[in-house]
Amino acid sequence: MSNTHHKKLYRLPEQGVVKGVCAGLAHYFGVPVALIRTMAILSLFFGLFGITVLTYIILTFVMDTAPVGYQAEEHEAPSPRKILDEVDYQLRSGEERLRQMERYITSDSYGVRSRFRQL
């Protein structure tokens, strides 16, 4: 027998605001609950009101309520500072790679190799 743990999609009413659908989806996909709620609310304002409400109602009835004693891991949302630090790191590393490519393309060795390829 396999001993792997499979996630099951449950509604988490104790963590939810309305019926726990967003909390259940967030736990299942391993993302912060705030992200799922923000996406749901934004979809209401950007022309998807009917689809969003209908989907929420359907999921309310389709998703089982989490069993008693079920413990969903809390996903702590990263702080804005941590997010900005990660973005800054990605931008700096991308800029460094771009500078290295620029140095190579403007170097004499690139010109020589390019002419050899043309022969």
PDB file of N, CA and C in Angstrom:
ATOM      1  N   MET A   1       0.822  -1.192   0.000  1.00  0.00           N
ATOM      2  CA  MET A   1       0.000   0.000   0.000  1.00  0.00           C
ATOM      3  C   MET A   1       0.860   1.248   0.000  1.00  0.00           C
ATOM      4  N   SER A   2       0.367   2.220  -0.702  1.00  0.00           N
ATOM      5  CA  SER A   2       1.084   3.484  -0.758  1.00  0.00           C
ATOM      6  C   SER A   2       0.766   4.310   0.481  1.00  0.00           C
ATOM      7  N   ASN A   3       1.764   4.991   0.979  1.00  0.00           N
ATOM      8  CA  ASN A   3       1.600   5.787   2.189  1.00  0.00           C
ATOM      9  C   ASN A   3       1.577   7.275   1.886  1.00  0.00           C
ATOM     10  N   THR A   4       1.295   7.612   0.614  1.00  0.00           N
ATOM     11  CA  THR A   4       1.296   9.021   0.238  1.00  0.00           C
ATOM     12  C   THR A   4       0.026   9.696   0.704  1.00  0.00           C
ATOM     13  N   HIS A   5       0.152  10.959   1.026  1.00  0.00           N
ATOM     14  CA  HIS A   5      -0.983  11.748   1.494  1.00  0.00           C
ATOM     15  C   HIS A   5      -1.541  12.542   0.320  1.00  0.00           C
ATOM     16  N   HIS A   6      -2.791  12.277  -0.022  1.00  0.00           N
ATOM     17  CA  HIS A   6      -3.444  13.008  -1.098  1.00  0.00           C
ATOM     18  C   HIS A   6      -4.326  14.084  -0.491  1.00  0.00           C
ATOM     19  N   LYS A   7      -4.190  15.290  -1.010  1.00  0.00           N
ATOM     20  CA  LYS A   7      -5.035  16.381  -0.540  1.00  0.00           C
ATOM     21  C   LYS A   7      -6.448  16.165  -1.068  1.00  0.00           C
ATOM     22  N   LYS A   8      -7.407  16.470  -0.251  1.00  0.00           N
ATOM     23  CA  LYS A   8      -8.800  16.414  -0.660  1.00  0.00           C
ATOM     24  C   LYS A   8      -9.351  17.826  -0.603  1.00  0.00           C
ATOM     25  N   LEU A   9     -10.212  18.118  -1.540  1.00  0.00           N
ATOM     26  CA  LEU A   9     -10.797  19.451  -1.616  1.00  0.00           C
ATOM     27  C   LEU A   9     -11.992  19.516  -0.679  1.00  0.00           C
ATOM     28  N   TYR A  10     -11.838  20.292   0.394  1.00  0.00           N
ATOM     29  CA  TYR A  10     -12.899  20.477   1.381  1.00  0.00           C
ATOM     30  C   TYR A  10     -13.246  21.954   1.480  1.00  0.00           C
ATOM     31  N   ARG A  11     -14.479  22.222   1.887  1.00  0.00           N
ATOM     32  CA  ARG A  11     -14.827  23.568   2.322  1.00  0.00           C
ATOM     33  C   ARG A  11     -14.349  23.696   3.758  1.00  0.00           C
ATOM     34  N   LEU A  12     -13.834  24.847   4.116  1.00  0.00           N
ATOM     35  CA  LEU A  12     -13.347  25.079   5.472  1.00  0.00           C
ATOM     36  C   LEU A  12     -14.148  26.223   6.089  1.00  0.00           C
ATOM     37  N   PRO A  13     -15.382  25.940   6.548  1.00  0.00           N
ATOM     38  CA  PRO A  13     -16.249  27.013   7.059  1.00  0.00           C
ATOM     39  C   PRO A  13     -15.669  27.763   8.236  1.00  0.00           C
ATOM     40  N   GLU A  14     -14.885  27.101   9.080  1.00  0.00           N
ATOM     41  CA  GLU A  14     -14.330  27.786  10.248  1.00  0.00           C
ATOM     42  C   GLU A  14     -13.267  28.802   9.863  1.00  0.00           C
ATOM     43  N   GLN A  15     -12.676  28.656   8.671  1.00  0.00           N
ATOM     44  CA  GLN A  15     -11.682  29.619   8.202  1.00  0.00           C
ATOM     45  C   GLN A  15     -12.266  30.561   7.154  1.00  0.00           C
ATOM     46  N   GLY A  16     -13.489  30.287   6.748  1.00  0.00           N
ATOM     47  CA  GLY A  16     -14.103  31.048   5.675  1.00  0.00           C
ATOM     48  C   GLY A  16     -14.873  32.252   6.161  1.00  0.00           C
ATOM     49  N   VAL A  17     -15.177  33.131   5.224  1.00  0.00           N
ATOM     50  CA  VAL A  17     -15.970  34.312   5.519  1.00  0.00           C
ATOM     51  C   VAL A  17     -17.445  34.007   5.271  1.00  0.00           C
ATOM     52  N   VAL A  18     -17.757  33.331   4.168  1.00  0.00           N
ATOM     53  CA  VAL A  18     -19.144  33.000   3.861  1.00  0.00           C
ATOM     54  C   VAL A  18     -19.394  31.517   4.130  1.00  0.00           C
ATOM     55  N   LYS A  19     -18.884  30.652   3.255  1.00  0.00           N
ATOM     56  CA  LYS A  19     -19.092  29.210   3.406  1.00  0.00           C
ATOM     57  C   LYS A  19     -17.787  28.421   3.455  1.00  0.00           C
ATOM     58  N   GLY A  20     -16.650  29.086   3.303  1.00  0.00           N
ATOM     59  CA  GLY A  20     -15.360  28.410   3.386  1.00  0.00           C
ATOM     60  C   GLY A  20     -14.845  27.871   2.069  1.00  0.00           C
ATOM     61  N   VAL A  21     -15.470  28.263   0.958  1.00  0.00           N
ATOM     62  CA  VAL A  21     -15.042  27.774  -0.350  1.00  0.00           C
ATOM     63  C   VAL A  21     -13.646  28.306  -0.692  1.00  0.00           C
ATOM     64  N   CYS A  22     -13.440  29.596  -0.525  1.00  0.00           N
ATOM     65  CA  CYS A  22     -12.130  30.189  -0.844  1.00  0.00           C
ATOM     66  C   CYS A  22     -11.033  29.618   0.049  1.00  0.00           C
ATOM     67  N   ALA A  23     -11.334  29.423   1.321  1.00  0.00           N
ATOM     68  CA  ALA A  23     -10.345  28.849   2.237  1.00  0.00           C
ATOM     69  C   ALA A  23     -10.000  27.425   1.822  1.00  0.00           C
ATOM     70  N   GLY A  24     -10.998  26.658   1.408  1.00  0.00           N
ATOM     71  CA  GLY A  24     -10.749  25.291   0.952  1.00  0.00           C
ATOM     72  C   GLY A  24      -9.918  25.255  -0.317  1.00  0.00           C
ATOM     73  N   LEU A  25     -10.238  26.135  -1.260  1.00  0.00           N
ATOM     74  CA  LEU A  25      -9.460  26.199  -2.499  1.00  0.00           C
ATOM     75  C   LEU A  25      -8.017  26.613  -2.222  1.00  0.00           C
ATOM     76  N   ALA A  26      -7.844  27.586  -1.340  1.00  0.00           N
ATOM     77  CA  ALA A  26      -6.495  28.052  -1.011  1.00  0.00           C
ATOM     78  C   ALA A  26      -5.675  26.934  -0.381  1.00  0.00           C
ATOM     79  N   HIS A  27      -6.291  26.189   0.522  1.00  0.00           N
ATOM     80  CA  HIS A  27      -5.570  25.071   1.149  1.00  0.00           C
ATOM     81  C   HIS A  27      -5.210  24.012   0.107  1.00  0.00           C
ATOM     82  N   TYR A  28      -6.143  23.695  -0.759  1.00  0.00           N
ATOM     83  CA  TYR A  28      -5.923  22.657  -1.765  1.00  0.00           C
ATOM     84  C   TYR A  28      -4.783  23.026  -2.715  1.00  0.00           C
ATOM     85  N   PHE A  29      -4.763  24.287  -3.157  1.00  0.00           N
ATOM     86  CA  PHE A  29      -3.739  24.715  -4.106  1.00  0.00           C
ATOM     87  C   PHE A  29      -2.472  25.237  -3.439  1.00  0.00           C
ATOM     88  N   GLY A  30      -2.474  25.348  -2.122  1.00  0.00           N
ATOM     89  CA  GLY A  30      -1.266  25.758  -1.403  1.00  0.00           C
ATOM     90  C   GLY A  30      -0.924  27.225  -1.579  1.00  0.00           C
ATOM     91  N   VAL A  31      -1.941  28.064  -1.654  1.00  0.00           N
ATOM     92  CA  VAL A  31      -1.724  29.503  -1.795  1.00  0.00           C
ATOM     93  C   VAL A  31      -2.395  30.215  -0.632  1.00  0.00           C
ATOM     94  N   PRO A  32      -2.034  31.454  -0.372  1.00  0.00           N
ATOM     95  CA  PRO A  32      -2.688  32.201   0.711  1.00  0.00           C
ATOM     96  C   PRO A  32      -4.175  32.420   0.414  1.00  0.00           C
ATOM     97  N   VAL A  33      -4.988  32.339   1.439  1.00  0.00           N
ATOM     98  CA  VAL A  33      -6.433  32.533   1.300  1.00  0.00           C
ATOM     99  C   VAL A  33      -6.724  33.923   0.744  1.00  0.00           C
ATOM    100  N   ALA A  34      -5.954  34.906   1.157  1.00  0.00           N
ATOM    101  CA  ALA A  34      -6.161  36.276   0.683  1.00  0.00           C
ATOM    102  C   ALA A  34      -6.050  36.360  -0.837  1.00  0.00           C
ATOM    103  N   LEU A  35      -5.185  35.562  -1.443  1.00  0.00           N
ATOM    104  CA  LEU A  35      -5.029  35.580  -2.898  1.00  0.00           C
ATOM    105  C   LEU A  35      -6.309  35.092  -3.571  1.00  0.00           C
ATOM    106  N   ILE A  36      -6.859  33.989  -3.104  1.00  0.00           N
ATOM    107  CA  ILE A  36      -8.086  33.443  -3.694  1.00  0.00           C
ATOM    108  C   ILE A  36      -9.245  34.425  -3.496  1.00  0.00           C
ATOM    109  N   ARG A  37      -9.351  34.986  -2.301  1.00  0.00           N
ATOM    110  CA  ARG A  37     -10.432  35.946  -2.039  1.00  0.00           C
ATOM    111  C   ARG A  37     -10.292  37.187  -2.913  1.00  0.00           C
ATOM    112  N   THR A  38      -9.082  37.669  -3.075  1.00  0.00           N
ATOM    113  CA  THR A  38      -8.842  38.848  -3.918  1.00  0.00           C
ATOM    114  C   THR A  38      -9.216  38.554  -5.368  1.00  0.00           C
ATOM    115  N   MET A  39      -8.833  37.374  -5.852  1.00  0.00           N
ATOM    116  CA  MET A  39      -9.185  37.005  -7.225  1.00  0.00           C
ATOM    117  C   MET A  39     -10.703  36.922  -7.394  1.00  0.00           C
ATOM    118  N   ALA A  40     -11.388  36.360  -6.404  1.00  0.00           N
ATOM    119  CA  ALA A  40     -12.843  36.236  -6.475  1.00  0.00           C
ATOM    120  C   ALA A  40     -13.501  37.615  -6.480  1.00  0.00           C
ATOM    121  N   ILE A  41     -13.051  38.496  -5.626  1.00  0.00           N
ATOM    122  CA  ILE A  41     -13.646  39.831  -5.544  1.00  0.00           C
ATOM    123  C   ILE A  41     -13.360  40.636  -6.806  1.00  0.00           C
ATOM    124  N   LEU A  42     -12.132  40.541  -7.308  1.00  0.00           N
ATOM    125  CA  LEU A  42     -11.805  41.261  -8.545  1.00  0.00           C
ATOM    126  C   LEU A  42     -12.629  40.750  -9.715  1.00  0.00           C
ATOM    127  N   SER A  43     -12.876  39.444  -9.754  1.00  0.00           N
ATOM    128  CA  SER A  43     -13.681  38.897 -10.854  1.00  0.00           C
ATOM    129  C   SER A  43     -15.114  39.429 -10.809  1.00  0.00           C
ATOM    130  N   LEU A  44     -15.595  39.743  -9.614  1.00  0.00           N
ATOM    131  CA  LEU A  44     -16.936  40.322  -9.495  1.00  0.00           C
ATOM    132  C   LEU A  44     -17.009  41.690 -10.167  1.00  0.00           C
ATOM    133  N   PHE A  45     -15.937  42.457 -10.072  1.00  0.00           N
ATOM    134  CA  PHE A  45     -15.927  43.814 -10.599  1.00  0.00           C
ATOM    135  C   PHE A  45     -15.510  43.906 -12.064  1.00  0.00           C
ATOM    136  N   PHE A  46     -14.916  42.847 -12.590  1.00  0.00           N
ATOM    137  CA  PHE A  46     -14.427  42.898 -13.968  1.00  0.00           C
ATOM    138  C   PHE A  46     -15.276  42.063 -14.921  1.00  0.00           C
ATOM    139  N   GLY A  47     -16.582  42.125 -14.753  1.00  0.00           N
ATOM    140  CA  GLY A  47     -17.486  41.534 -15.719  1.00  0.00           C
ATOM    141  C   GLY A  47     -17.781  40.060 -15.545  1.00  0.00           C
ATOM    142  N   LEU A  48     -17.314  39.451 -14.481  1.00  0.00           N
ATOM    143  CA  LEU A  48     -17.556  38.026 -14.275  1.00  0.00           C
ATOM    144  C   LEU A  48     -18.463  37.782 -13.078  1.00  0.00           C
ATOM    145  N   PHE A  49     -19.319  38.724 -12.776  1.00  0.00           N
ATOM    146  CA  PHE A  49     -20.158  38.645 -11.585  1.00  0.00           C
ATOM    147  C   PHE A  49     -21.006  37.374 -11.587  1.00  0.00           C
ATOM    148  N   GLY A  50     -21.742  37.150 -12.675  1.00  0.00           N
ATOM    149  CA  GLY A  50     -22.633  35.990 -12.749  1.00  0.00           C
ATOM    150  C   GLY A  50     -21.890  34.672 -12.648  1.00  0.00           C
ATOM    151  N   ILE A  51     -20.797  34.567 -13.387  1.00  0.00           N
ATOM    152  CA  ILE A  51     -20.016  33.322 -13.375  1.00  0.00           C
ATOM    153  C   ILE A  51     -19.417  33.079 -11.992  1.00  0.00           C
ATOM    154  N   THR A  52     -18.904  34.117 -11.380  1.00  0.00           N
ATOM    155  CA  THR A  52     -18.284  33.973 -10.065  1.00  0.00           C
ATOM    156  C   THR A  52     -19.301  33.542  -9.015  1.00  0.00           C
ATOM    157  N   VAL A  53     -20.437  34.196  -9.001  1.00  0.00           N
ATOM    158  CA  VAL A  53     -21.468  33.865  -8.013  1.00  0.00           C
ATOM    159  C   VAL A  53     -21.991  32.449  -8.253  1.00  0.00           C
ATOM    160  N   LEU A  54     -22.244  32.096  -9.517  1.00  0.00           N
ATOM    161  CA  LEU A  54     -22.737  30.759  -9.841  1.00  0.00           C
ATOM    162  C   LEU A  54     -21.710  29.691  -9.455  1.00  0.00           C
ATOM    163  N   THR A  55     -20.452  29.932  -9.767  1.00  0.00           N
ATOM    164  CA  THR A  55     -19.395  28.988  -9.413  1.00  0.00           C
ATOM    165  C   THR A  55     -19.299  28.824  -7.904  1.00  0.00           C
ATOM    166  N   TYR A  56     -19.385  29.921  -7.169  1.00  0.00           N
ATOM    167  CA  TYR A  56     -19.312  29.853  -5.709  1.00  0.00           C
ATOM    168  C   TYR A  56     -20.468  29.029  -5.146  1.00  0.00           C
ATOM    169  N   ILE A  57     -21.665  29.253  -5.667  1.00  0.00           N
ATOM    170  CA  ILE A  57     -22.834  28.509  -5.191  1.00  0.00           C
ATOM    171  C   ILE A  57     -22.690  27.024  -5.510  1.00  0.00           C
ATOM    172  N   ILE A  58     -22.254  26.716  -6.724  1.00  0.00           N
ATOM    173  CA  ILE A  58     -22.070  25.310  -7.105  1.00  0.00           C
ATOM    174  C   ILE A  58     -21.022  24.652  -6.215  1.00  0.00           C
ATOM    175  N   LEU A  59     -19.892  25.338  -5.999  1.00  0.00           N
ATOM    176  CA  LEU A  59     -18.840  24.768  -5.155  1.00  0.00           C
ATOM    177  C   LEU A  59     -19.301  24.594  -3.711  1.00  0.00           C
ATOM    178  N   THR A  60     -20.183  25.457  -3.263  1.00  0.00           N
ATOM    179  CA  THR A  60     -20.715  25.326  -1.902  1.00  0.00           C
ATOM    180  C   THR A  60     -21.431  23.992  -1.743  1.00  0.00           C
ATOM    181  N   PHE A  61     -22.151  23.575  -2.768  1.00  0.00           N
ATOM    182  CA  PHE A  61     -22.894  22.321  -2.682  1.00  0.00           C
ATOM    183  C   PHE A  61     -22.053  21.107  -3.078  1.00  0.00           C
ATOM    184  N   VAL A  62     -21.091  21.291  -3.960  1.00  0.00           N
ATOM    185  CA  VAL A  62     -20.285  20.172  -4.453  1.00  0.00           C
ATOM    186  C   VAL A  62     -19.181  19.793  -3.466  1.00  0.00           C
ATOM    187  N   MET A  63     -18.532  20.778  -2.885  1.00  0.00           N
ATOM    188  CA  MET A  63     -17.414  20.505  -1.974  1.00  0.00           C
ATOM    189  C   MET A  63     -17.939  20.010  -0.634  1.00  0.00           C
ATOM    190  N   ASP A  64     -17.328  18.939  -0.136  1.00  0.00           N
ATOM    191  CA  ASP A  64     -17.687  18.434   1.184  1.00  0.00           C
ATOM    192  C   ASP A  64     -17.119  19.356   2.254  1.00  0.00           C
ATOM    193  N   THR A  65     -17.832  19.445   3.374  1.00  0.00           N
ATOM    194  CA  THR A  65     -17.315  20.187   4.520  1.00  0.00           C
ATOM    195  C   THR A  65     -16.192  19.366   5.142  1.00  0.00           C
ATOM    196  N   ALA A  66     -15.168  20.023   5.605  1.00  0.00           N
ATOM    197  CA  ALA A  66     -14.042  19.318   6.218  1.00  0.00           C
ATOM    198  C   ALA A  66     -14.535  18.521   7.423  1.00  0.00           C
ATOM    199  N   PRO A  67     -14.027  17.286   7.598  1.00  0.00           N
ATOM    200  CA  PRO A  67     -14.456  16.488   8.744  1.00  0.00           C
ATOM    201  C   PRO A  67     -14.012  17.116  10.063  1.00  0.00           C
ATOM    202  N   VAL A  68     -14.680  16.733  11.127  1.00  0.00           N
ATOM    203  CA  VAL A  68     -14.345  17.232  12.455  1.00  0.00           C
ATOM    204  C   VAL A  68     -12.902  16.845  12.769  1.00  0.00           C
ATOM    205  N   GLY A  69     -12.126  17.789  13.255  1.00  0.00           N
ATOM    206  CA  GLY A  69     -10.730  17.539  13.593  1.00  0.00           C
ATOM    207  C   GLY A  69      -9.771  17.719  12.434  1.00  0.00           C
ATOM    208  N   TYR A  70     -10.284  18.055  11.273  1.00  0.00           N
ATOM    209  CA  TYR A  70      -9.430  18.270  10.109  1.00  0.00           C
ATOM    210  C   TYR A  70      -8.613  19.526  10.318  1.00  0.00           C
ATOM    211  N   GLN A  71      -7.330  19.420  10.163  1.00  0.00           N
ATOM    212  CA  GLN A  71      -6.435  20.561  10.355  1.00  0.00           C
ATOM    213  C   GLN A  71      -5.822  20.952   9.017  1.00  0.00           C
ATOM    214  N   ALA A  72      -6.203  22.081   8.531  1.00  0.00           N
ATOM    215  CA  ALA A  72      -5.600  22.621   7.319  1.00  0.00           C
ATOM    216  C   ALA A  72      -4.403  23.451   7.726  1.00  0.00           C
ATOM    217  N   GLU A  73      -3.299  23.263   7.002  1.00  0.00           N
ATOM    218  CA  GLU A  73      -2.118  24.074   7.311  1.00  0.00           C
ATOM    219  C   GLU A  73      -2.408  25.515   6.935  1.00  0.00           C
ATOM    220  N   GLU A  74      -2.000  26.400   7.789  1.00  0.00           N
ATOM    221  CA  GLU A  74      -2.147  27.829   7.508  1.00  0.00           C
ATOM    222  C   GLU A  74      -1.016  28.257   6.590  1.00  0.00           C
ATOM    223  N   HIS A  75      -1.358  28.976   5.565  1.00  0.00           N
ATOM    224  CA  HIS A  75      -0.354  29.510   4.654  1.00  0.00           C
ATOM    225  C   HIS A  75      -0.187  30.986   4.961  1.00  0.00           C
ATOM    226  N   GLU A  76       0.920  31.297   5.558  1.00  0.00           N
ATOM    227  CA  GLU A  76       1.169  32.688   5.919  1.00  0.00           C
ATOM    228  C   GLU A  76       1.573  33.465   4.682  1.00  0.00           C
ATOM    229  N   ALA A  77       0.873  34.529   4.439  1.00  0.00           N
ATOM    230  CA  ALA A  77       1.197  35.365   3.285  1.00  0.00           C
ATOM    231  C   ALA A  77       2.525  36.075   3.543  1.00  0.00           C
ATOM    232  N   PRO A  78       3.380  36.124   2.518  1.00  0.00           N
ATOM    233  CA  PRO A  78       4.653  36.818   2.707  1.00  0.00           C
ATOM    234  C   PRO A  78       4.420  38.308   2.927  1.00  0.00           C
ATOM    235  N   SER A  79       5.296  38.888   3.708  1.00  0.00           N
ATOM    236  CA  SER A  79       5.167  40.316   3.998  1.00  0.00           C
ATOM    237  C   SER A  79       5.490  41.118   2.731  1.00  0.00           C
ATOM    238  N   PRO A  80       4.940  42.314   2.636  1.00  0.00           N
ATOM    239  CA  PRO A  80       5.250  43.144   1.466  1.00  0.00           C
ATOM    240  C   PRO A  80       6.753  43.389   1.323  1.00  0.00           C
ATOM    241  N   ARG A  81       7.432  43.525   2.447  1.00  0.00           N
ATOM    242  CA  ARG A  81       8.884  43.746   2.399  1.00  0.00           C
ATOM    243  C   ARG A  81       9.595  42.544   1.776  1.00  0.00           C
ATOM    244  N   LYS A  82       9.161  41.345   2.155  1.00  0.00           N
ATOM    245  CA  LYS A  82       9.776  40.129   1.617  1.00  0.00           C
ATOM    246  C   LYS A  82       9.512  40.015   0.114  1.00  0.00           C
ATOM    247  N   ILE A  83       8.306  40.363  -0.305  1.00  0.00           N
ATOM    248  CA  ILE A  83       7.967  40.327  -1.726  1.00  0.00           C
ATOM    249  C   ILE A  83       8.821  41.328  -2.496  1.00  0.00           C
ATOM    250  N   LEU A  84       8.953  42.540  -1.960  1.00  0.00           N
ATOM    251  CA  LEU A  84       9.778  43.556  -2.630  1.00  0.00           C
ATOM    252  C   LEU A  84      11.240  43.149  -2.684  1.00  0.00           C
ATOM    253  N   ASP A  85      11.735  42.527  -1.620  1.00  0.00           N
ATOM    254  CA  ASP A  85      13.121  42.060  -1.626  1.00  0.00           C
ATOM    255  C   ASP A  85      13.330  40.994  -2.708  1.00  0.00           C
ATOM    256  N   GLU A  86      12.368  40.090  -2.858  1.00  0.00           N
ATOM    257  CA  GLU A  86      12.475  39.042  -3.879  1.00  0.00           C
ATOM    258  C   GLU A  86      12.418  39.643  -5.278  1.00  0.00           C
ATOM    259  N   VAL A  87      11.530  40.605  -5.494  1.00  0.00           N
ATOM    260  CA  VAL A  87      11.439  41.274  -6.793  1.00  0.00           C
ATOM    261  C   VAL A  87      12.732  42.023  -7.087  1.00  0.00           C
ATOM    262  N   ASP A  88      13.266  42.710  -6.087  1.00  0.00           N
ATOM    263  CA  ASP A  88      14.522  43.438  -6.251  1.00  0.00           C
ATOM    264  C   ASP A  88      15.655  42.483  -6.624  1.00  0.00           C
ATOM    265  N   TYR A  89      15.706  41.339  -5.965  1.00  0.00           N
ATOM    266  CA  TYR A  89      16.741  40.337  -6.258  1.00  0.00           C
ATOM    267  C   TYR A  89      16.603  39.846  -7.701  1.00  0.00           C
ATOM    268  N   GLN A  90      15.373  39.541  -8.120  1.00  0.00           N
ATOM    269  CA  GLN A  90      15.153  39.053  -9.484  1.00  0.00           C
ATOM    270  C   GLN A  90      15.546  40.108 -10.515  1.00  0.00           C
ATOM    271  N   LEU A  91      15.192  41.355 -10.254  1.00  0.00           N
ATOM    272  CA  LEU A  91      15.548  42.421 -11.189  1.00  0.00           C
ATOM    273  C   LEU A  91      17.058  42.628 -11.262  1.00  0.00           C
ATOM    274  N   ARG A  92      17.717  42.586 -10.108  1.00  0.00           N
ATOM    275  CA  ARG A  92      19.172  42.767 -10.107  1.00  0.00           C
ATOM    276  C   ARG A  92      19.881  41.622 -10.827  1.00  0.00           C
ATOM    277  N   SER A  93      19.417  40.391 -10.609  1.00  0.00           N
ATOM    278  CA  SER A  93      20.072  39.260 -11.277  1.00  0.00           C
ATOM    279  C   SER A  93      19.802  39.311 -12.779  1.00  0.00           C
ATOM    280  N   GLY A  94      18.595  39.719 -13.174  1.00  0.00           N
ATOM    281  CA  GLY A  94      18.304  39.867 -14.600  1.00  0.00           C
ATOM    282  C   GLY A  94      19.144  40.966 -15.235  1.00  0.00           C
ATOM    283  N   GLU A  95      19.323  42.055 -14.503  1.00  0.00           N
ATOM    284  CA  GLU A  95      20.148  43.150 -15.006  1.00  0.00           C
ATOM    285  C   GLU A  95      21.603  42.707 -15.160  1.00  0.00           C
ATOM    286  N   GLU A  96      22.087  41.921 -14.224  1.00  0.00           N
ATOM    287  CA  GLU A  96      23.469  41.430 -14.311  1.00  0.00           C
ATOM    288  C   GLU A  96      23.643  40.505 -15.502  1.00  0.00           C
ATOM    289  N   ARG A  97      22.683  39.631 -15.748  1.00  0.00           N
ATOM    290  CA  ARG A  97      22.762  38.747 -16.922  1.00  0.00           C
ATOM    291  C   ARG A  97      22.730  39.565 -18.204  1.00  0.00           C
ATOM    292  N   LEU A  98      21.899  40.591 -18.236  1.00  0.00           N
ATOM    293  CA  LEU A  98      21.817  41.454 -19.405  1.00  0.00           C
ATOM    294  C   LEU A  98      23.140  42.178 -19.646  1.00  0.00           C
ATOM    295  N   ARG A  99      23.770  42.648 -18.584  1.00  0.00           N
ATOM    296  CA  ARG A  99      25.076  43.307 -18.724  1.00  0.00           C
ATOM    297  C   ARG A  99      26.136  42.345 -19.251  1.00  0.00           C
ATOM    298  N   GLN A 100      26.105  41.100 -18.778  1.00  0.00           N
ATOM    299  CA  GLN A 100      27.065  40.106 -19.260  1.00  0.00           C
ATOM    300  C   GLN A 100      26.868  39.832 -20.747  1.00  0.00           C
ATOM    301  N   MET A 101      25.599  39.728 -21.164  1.00  0.00           N
ATOM    302  CA  MET A 101      25.337  39.511 -22.590  1.00  0.00           C
ATOM    303  C   MET A 101      25.785  40.707 -23.406  1.00  0.00           C
ATOM    304  N   GLU A 102      25.541  41.900 -22.897  1.00  0.00           N
ATOM    305  CA  GLU A 102      25.944  43.112 -23.605  1.00  0.00           C
ATOM    306  C   GLU A 102      27.468  43.170 -23.745  1.00  0.00           C
ATOM    307  N   ARG A 103      28.170  42.825 -22.655  1.00  0.00           N
ATOM    308  CA  ARG A 103      29.634  42.819 -22.725  1.00  0.00           C
ATOM    309  C   ARG A 103      30.129  41.812 -23.759  1.00  0.00           C
ATOM    310  N   TYR A 104      29.482  40.648 -23.837  1.00  0.00           N
ATOM    311  CA  TYR A 104      29.903  39.620 -24.783  1.00  0.00           C
ATOM    312  C   TYR A 104      29.626  40.061 -26.215  1.00  0.00           C
ATOM    313  N   ILE A 105      28.447  40.605 -26.456  1.00  0.00           N
ATOM    314  CA  ILE A 105      28.065  40.990 -27.817  1.00  0.00           C
ATOM    315  C   ILE A 105      28.930  42.138 -28.322  1.00  0.00           C
ATOM    316  N   THR A 106      29.329  43.035 -27.449  1.00  0.00           N
ATOM    317  CA  THR A 106      30.168  44.163 -27.875  1.00  0.00           C
ATOM    318  C   THR A 106      31.655  43.827 -27.833  1.00  0.00           C
ATOM    319  N   SER A 107      31.992  42.606 -27.444  1.00  0.00           N
ATOM    320  CA  SER A 107      33.411  42.235 -27.358  1.00  0.00           C
ATOM    321  C   SER A 107      33.948  41.843 -28.731  1.00  0.00           C
ATOM    322  N   ASP A 108      35.271  41.840 -28.826  1.00  0.00           N
ATOM    323  CA  ASP A 108      35.937  41.457 -30.077  1.00  0.00           C
ATOM    324  C   ASP A 108      35.731  39.978 -30.377  1.00  0.00           C
ATOM    325  N   SER A 109      35.694  39.145 -29.347  1.00  0.00           N
ATOM    326  CA  SER A 109      35.553  37.701 -29.578  1.00  0.00           C
ATOM    327  C   SER A 109      34.204  37.370 -30.226  1.00  0.00           C
ATOM    328  N   TYR A 110      33.165  38.106 -29.906  1.00  0.00           N
ATOM    329  CA  TYR A 110      31.858  37.876 -30.529  1.00  0.00           C
ATOM    330  C   TYR A 110      31.939  38.191 -32.011  1.00  0.00           C
ATOM    331  N   GLY A 111      32.577  39.306 -32.346  1.00  0.00           N
ATOM    332  CA  GLY A 111      32.717  39.680 -33.754  1.00  0.00           C
ATOM    333  C   GLY A 111      33.497  38.650 -34.538  1.00  0.00           C
ATOM    334  N   VAL A 112      34.572  38.127 -33.951  1.00  0.00           N
ATOM    335  CA  VAL A 112      35.394  37.121 -34.633  1.00  0.00           C
ATOM    336  C   VAL A 112      34.584  35.841 -34.820  1.00  0.00           C
ATOM    337  N   ARG A 113      33.911  35.380 -33.780  1.00  0.00           N
ATOM    338  CA  ARG A 113      33.112  34.147 -33.884  1.00  0.00           C
ATOM    339  C   ARG A 113      31.979  34.318 -34.891  1.00  0.00           C
ATOM    340  N   SER A 114      31.386  35.477 -34.932  1.00  0.00           N
ATOM    341  CA  SER A 114      30.295  35.745 -35.870  1.00  0.00           C
ATOM    342  C   SER A 114      30.791  35.663 -37.299  1.00  0.00           C
ATOM    343  N   ARG A 115      31.973  36.182 -37.556  1.00  0.00           N
ATOM    344  CA  ARG A 115      32.534  36.138 -38.926  1.00  0.00           C
ATOM    345  C   ARG A 115      32.919  34.731 -39.322  1.00  0.00           C
ATOM    346  N   PHE A 116      33.382  33.926 -38.353  1.00  0.00           N
ATOM    347  CA  PHE A 116      33.717  32.544 -38.651  1.00  0.00           C
ATOM    348  C   PHE A 116      32.447  31.756 -39.000  1.00  0.00           C
ATOM    349  N   ARG A 117      31.350  32.037 -38.339  1.00  0.00           N
ATOM    350  CA  ARG A 117      30.089  31.343 -38.619  1.00  0.00           C
ATOM    351  C   ARG A 117      29.579  31.707 -40.014  1.00  0.00           C
ATOM    352  N   GLN A 118      29.874  32.910 -40.465  1.00  0.00           N
ATOM    353  CA  GLN A 118      29.408  33.340 -41.777  1.00  0.00           C
ATOM    354  C   GLN A 118      30.196  32.676 -42.909  1.00  0.00           C
ATOM    355  N   LEU A 119      31.381  32.168 -42.608  1.00  0.00           N
ATOM    356  CA  LEU A 119      32.205  31.527 -43.632  1.00  0.00           C
ATOM    357  C   LEU A 119      31.692  30.187 -43.929  1.00  0.00           C
TER     358      LEU A 119
END
